[in-house]
Amino acid sequence: QPFSPKNFKRILSNCNSQFKQFDFNTAKDLILYLMQTIHEELNYFGDSPSSKLSSPNQYNRAITFIFFMNSYNSHNFSIISNIFYGTYEDITLCKKCNIILYNFRKFEFVSFKTLSYKNKIFNIYNGFEDNLKPQKLNGESKFYCNICKSLEDGELTTKIIQPPNKLLINIDYGKNKAFKPSYVKFEEIIDLTKYINFDFGAPIKYKIIGVCTYLGSSGSYGQYVAFC
């Protein structure tokens, strides 16, 4: 049976004026707000300051990863971070010194953009393939190299090193409906084993339990419907 969450909307509006009226907010905005708020409220460490560890050298992958996890886990733990947060590995090649630097960060969503799939079928695996393509860092996008101690040209590749227990995927069509794919294809089981930059010794698979879709005549007015 269809369910309209009016009471939830009313309580949410009292907590955050962003959702008080009927101004346009994406489903991603709502879910991120809920997750971050619940994480902050239930964080085992409360508002404790970050642990003061020496900075990693970034060119040693293992040391940099251990530093990141120790620093993050020393002041972040909740049912939200435990279930929904994964870890990205940013791999940056400096074009000047030719050294690879590593950085790690948490994520709540895996996001895909579909601008290049106008009137085409977009398979969910297309998004993971596109996200693995290297990005050029030059011009205004230069990065600070800790080895060269200056802004340099580089190449950035982002990979998932720790998949979350429950995976949230956001497919961003943009506000111009002309660039929407004709169809989004996915199976009930999504196998991400080859997209994870670590060998866990077992397949990394997810079973889809819910889809939230947008219905509307424009990118600024419409309705979200969840199928669970």
Protein backbone atom coordinates (compact mmCIF):
# COMPACT_ATOMS: atom_id res chain seq x y z
CA GLN A 1 0.00 0.00 0.00
CA PRO A 2 1.25 3.54 -0.74
CA PHE A 3 2.38 5.52 2.29
CA SER A 4 2.62 9.31 2.59
CA PRO A 5 5.11 10.37 5.33
CA LYS A 6 3.30 13.58 6.35
CA ASN A 7 4.09 13.32 10.07
CA PHE A 8 7.74 12.63 9.32
CA LYS A 9 7.82 15.67 7.02
CA ARG A 10 6.29 17.85 9.78
CA ILE A 11 8.84 16.75 12.39
CA LEU A 12 11.68 17.12 9.92
CA SER A 13 10.55 20.66 9.07
CA ASN A 14 10.72 21.61 12.76
CA CYS A 15 14.31 20.36 12.90
CA ASN A 16 15.53 21.97 9.68
CA SER A 17 13.88 24.95 8.00
CA GLN A 18 15.42 23.84 4.69
CA PHE A 19 12.61 21.29 4.45
CA LYS A 20 9.84 23.45 5.96
CA GLN A 21 8.12 24.67 2.82
CA PHE A 22 7.77 22.93 -0.51
CA ASP A 23 10.95 24.35 -2.03
CA PHE A 24 12.89 21.95 -4.22
CA ASN A 25 15.24 19.61 -2.34
CA THR A 26 16.73 16.45 -3.78
CA ALA A 27 16.26 13.06 -2.17
CA LYS A 28 20.03 13.02 -1.73
CA ASP A 29 19.86 16.28 0.28
CA LEU A 30 17.34 14.70 2.62
CA ILE A 31 19.15 11.40 3.09
CA LEU A 32 22.50 13.12 3.69
CA TYR A 33 20.95 15.43 6.29
CA LEU A 34 19.35 12.49 8.10
CA MET A 35 22.48 10.37 8.05
CA GLN A 36 24.79 13.16 9.21
CA THR A 37 22.39 14.27 11.96
CA ILE A 38 21.88 10.74 13.31
CA HIS A 39 25.63 10.10 13.13
CA GLU A 40 26.36 13.25 15.15
CA GLU A 41 23.67 12.44 17.73
CA LEU A 42 24.75 8.81 18.19
CA ASN A 43 28.50 9.26 17.75
CA TYR A 44 30.12 7.22 20.52
CA PHE A 45 32.89 9.82 20.86
CA GLY A 46 30.57 12.82 20.94
CA ASP A 47 32.40 16.04 20.08
CA SER A 48 35.85 14.81 21.11
CA PRO A 49 38.70 16.48 19.17
CA SER A 50 40.66 14.63 16.52
CA SER A 51 43.63 12.64 17.77
CA LYS A 52 46.92 14.42 17.13
CA LEU A 53 48.95 12.06 14.98
CA SER A 54 51.96 12.96 12.89
CA SER A 55 51.17 13.66 9.24
CA PRO A 56 51.70 10.69 6.88
CA ASN A 57 54.16 10.92 4.01
CA GLN A 58 51.39 10.12 1.46
CA TYR A 59 53.73 8.21 -0.87
CA ASN A 60 53.61 5.13 1.38
CA ARG A 61 50.15 3.65 0.81
CA ALA A 62 50.03 1.41 3.91
CA ILE A 63 51.26 4.07 6.37
CA THR A 64 48.91 6.70 4.91
CA PHE A 65 45.92 4.35 5.14
CA ILE A 66 46.68 3.33 8.73
CA PHE A 67 47.06 7.00 9.70
CA PHE A 68 43.71 7.88 8.11
CA MET A 69 41.79 5.00 9.72
CA ASN A 70 43.31 5.59 13.16
CA SER A 71 42.56 9.30 12.96
CA TYR A 72 38.99 8.80 11.72
CA ASN A 73 38.08 5.95 14.07
CA SER A 74 39.49 7.77 17.09
CA HIS A 75 36.60 10.27 16.99
CA ASN A 76 33.91 8.74 14.72
CA PHE A 77 31.77 5.74 15.48
CA SER A 78 28.01 5.35 15.20
CA ILE A 79 25.51 2.92 13.72
CA ILE A 80 25.43 5.19 10.64
CA SER A 81 29.19 5.26 10.02
CA ASN A 82 29.38 1.53 10.75
CA ILE A 83 26.70 0.60 8.20
CA PHE A 84 26.66 3.26 5.49
CA TYR A 85 30.13 4.83 5.23
CA GLY A 86 32.72 3.48 2.79
CA THR A 87 36.27 4.61 2.04
CA TYR A 88 37.66 6.09 -1.18
CA GLU A 89 41.32 5.91 -2.17
CA ASP A 90 42.56 8.91 -4.18
CA ILE A 91 45.65 8.01 -6.21
CA THR A 92 47.46 11.06 -7.61
CA LEU A 93 50.41 10.93 -9.98
CA CYS A 94 52.57 14.05 -9.95
CA LYS A 95 53.71 14.88 -13.49
CA LYS A 96 56.82 16.66 -12.23
CA CYS A 97 58.39 14.22 -9.76
CA ASN A 98 56.55 11.17 -11.17
CA ILE A 99 55.69 9.96 -7.64
CA ILE A 100 52.29 8.52 -6.73
CA LEU A 101 50.63 10.07 -3.68
CA TYR A 102 47.79 8.45 -1.73
CA ASN A 103 44.90 9.99 0.16
CA PHE A 104 41.84 8.43 1.78
CA ARG A 105 38.38 9.78 2.61
CA LYS A 106 34.98 8.53 3.72
CA PHE A 107 31.88 8.63 1.51
CA GLU A 108 28.15 8.21 2.06
CA PHE A 109 27.11 7.85 -1.59
CA VAL A 110 28.59 6.60 -4.82
CA SER A 111 27.45 9.19 -7.39
CA PHE A 112 27.18 8.82 -11.15
CA LYS A 113 26.67 11.55 -13.78
CA THR A 114 24.84 10.56 -16.96
CA LEU A 115 25.44 13.60 -19.20
CA SER A 116 27.22 11.49 -21.83
CA TYR A 117 24.37 8.98 -22.02
CA LYS A 118 21.75 11.17 -23.69
CA ASN A 119 19.02 8.97 -25.16
CA LYS A 120 21.15 5.86 -24.48
CA ILE A 121 20.80 2.95 -22.08
CA PHE A 122 22.76 3.60 -18.88
CA ASN A 123 23.86 0.39 -17.18
CA ILE A 124 24.69 0.77 -13.50
CA TYR A 125 28.15 -0.67 -14.26
CA ASN A 126 28.75 2.19 -16.72
CA GLY A 127 28.82 4.49 -13.72
CA PHE A 128 31.49 2.49 -11.90
CA GLU A 129 33.60 2.29 -15.09
CA ASP A 130 33.31 6.06 -15.65
CA ASN A 131 34.26 6.82 -12.04
CA LEU A 132 37.50 4.86 -12.48
CA LYS A 133 38.68 6.96 -15.43
CA PRO A 134 41.71 9.15 -14.54
CA GLN A 135 41.10 12.91 -14.21
CA LYS A 136 43.68 15.41 -15.42
CA LEU A 137 44.78 17.97 -12.82
CA ASN A 138 46.06 21.03 -14.63
CA GLY A 139 45.34 24.73 -15.08
CA GLU A 140 43.06 25.82 -12.23
CA SER A 141 42.81 22.17 -11.09
CA LYS A 142 46.50 21.77 -10.22
CA PHE A 143 47.17 19.97 -6.93
CA TYR A 144 49.70 20.62 -4.15
CA CYS A 145 52.45 17.98 -4.29
CA ASN A 146 53.94 17.24 -0.86
CA ILE A 147 57.13 16.06 -2.52
CA CYS A 148 57.67 19.05 -4.84
CA LYS A 149 56.21 21.48 -2.26
CA SER A 150 54.36 23.34 -5.01
CA LEU A 151 51.26 23.29 -7.23
CA GLU A 152 51.82 20.82 -10.05
CA ASP A 153 50.02 19.07 -12.89
CA GLY A 154 48.86 15.58 -12.09
CA GLU A 155 46.47 12.74 -12.77
CA LEU A 156 43.89 11.59 -10.24
CA THR A 157 42.21 8.18 -10.05
CA THR A 158 39.63 7.46 -7.34
CA LYS A 159 38.83 3.90 -6.29
CA ILE A 160 36.79 2.24 -3.54
CA ILE A 161 39.09 0.53 -1.05
CA GLN A 162 36.49 -0.20 1.65
CA PRO A 163 32.93 -0.86 0.45
CA PRO A 164 30.18 0.03 2.94
CA ASN A 165 27.93 -2.57 4.52
CA LYS A 166 24.92 -0.95 2.84
CA LEU A 167 25.61 0.92 -0.42
CA LEU A 168 23.78 4.08 -1.50
CA ILE A 169 23.99 5.02 -5.18
CA ASN A 170 23.02 8.44 -6.55
CA ILE A 171 22.37 8.84 -10.28
CA ASP A 172 22.60 12.52 -11.22
CA TYR A 173 20.74 13.43 -14.40
CA GLY A 174 21.28 17.16 -13.95
CA LYS A 175 18.49 19.71 -14.31
CA ASN A 176 18.39 19.51 -18.11
CA LYS A 177 16.07 16.61 -18.93
CA ALA A 178 17.41 16.59 -22.50
CA PHE A 179 20.54 14.83 -21.21
CA LYS A 180 18.71 12.01 -19.44
CA PRO A 181 19.44 8.45 -20.59
CA SER A 182 16.57 6.64 -22.25
CA TYR A 183 16.74 3.84 -19.69
CA VAL A 184 18.63 2.94 -16.51
CA LYS A 185 19.49 -0.75 -16.35
CA PHE A 186 20.39 -2.71 -13.23
CA GLU A 187 19.91 -6.21 -11.87
CA GLU A 188 18.63 -7.19 -8.43
CA ILE A 189 22.17 -8.30 -7.50
CA ILE A 190 25.06 -5.90 -8.19
CA ASP A 191 28.54 -7.49 -8.21
CA LEU A 192 31.20 -4.86 -7.47
CA THR A 193 34.12 -7.21 -6.85
CA LYS A 194 36.26 -5.92 -9.74
CA TYR A 195 35.64 -2.27 -8.80
CA ILE A 196 37.01 -2.63 -5.26
CA ASN A 197 40.72 -1.81 -4.95
CA PHE A 198 41.39 -4.51 -2.36
CA ASP A 199 41.13 -8.29 -2.44
CA PHE A 200 38.79 -9.37 0.35
CA GLY A 201 38.97 -13.01 -0.74
CA ALA A 202 35.24 -13.10 -1.49
CA PRO A 203 32.83 -11.47 -3.96
CA ILE A 204 31.50 -8.01 -3.05
CA LYS A 205 27.81 -8.15 -3.94
CA TYR A 206 24.78 -6.06 -3.05
CA LYS A 207 21.09 -6.86 -3.31
CA ILE A 208 18.86 -3.91 -4.20
CA ILE A 209 16.18 -3.36 -1.54
CA GLY A 210 14.93 0.08 -2.55
CA VAL A 211 14.82 2.61 -5.39
CA CYS A 212 13.85 6.28 -5.09
CA THR A 213 12.89 7.97 -8.34
CA TYR A 214 11.92 11.49 -9.38
CA LEU A 215 8.67 12.29 -11.19
CA GLY A 216 8.19 15.79 -12.55
CA SER A 217 7.97 18.02 -15.56
CA SER A 218 11.12 19.96 -14.67
CA GLY A 219 14.24 19.78 -12.53
CA SER A 220 12.84 22.26 -10.00
CA TYR A 221 9.33 20.92 -9.41
CA GLY A 222 8.15 17.37 -8.99
CA GLN A 223 7.81 14.46 -6.58
CA TYR A 224 9.98 11.67 -5.25
CA VAL A 225 8.57 8.16 -4.95
CA ALA A 226 10.33 5.32 -3.15
CA PHE A 227 9.87 1.66 -4.08
CA CYS A 228 11.05 -0.65 -1.32
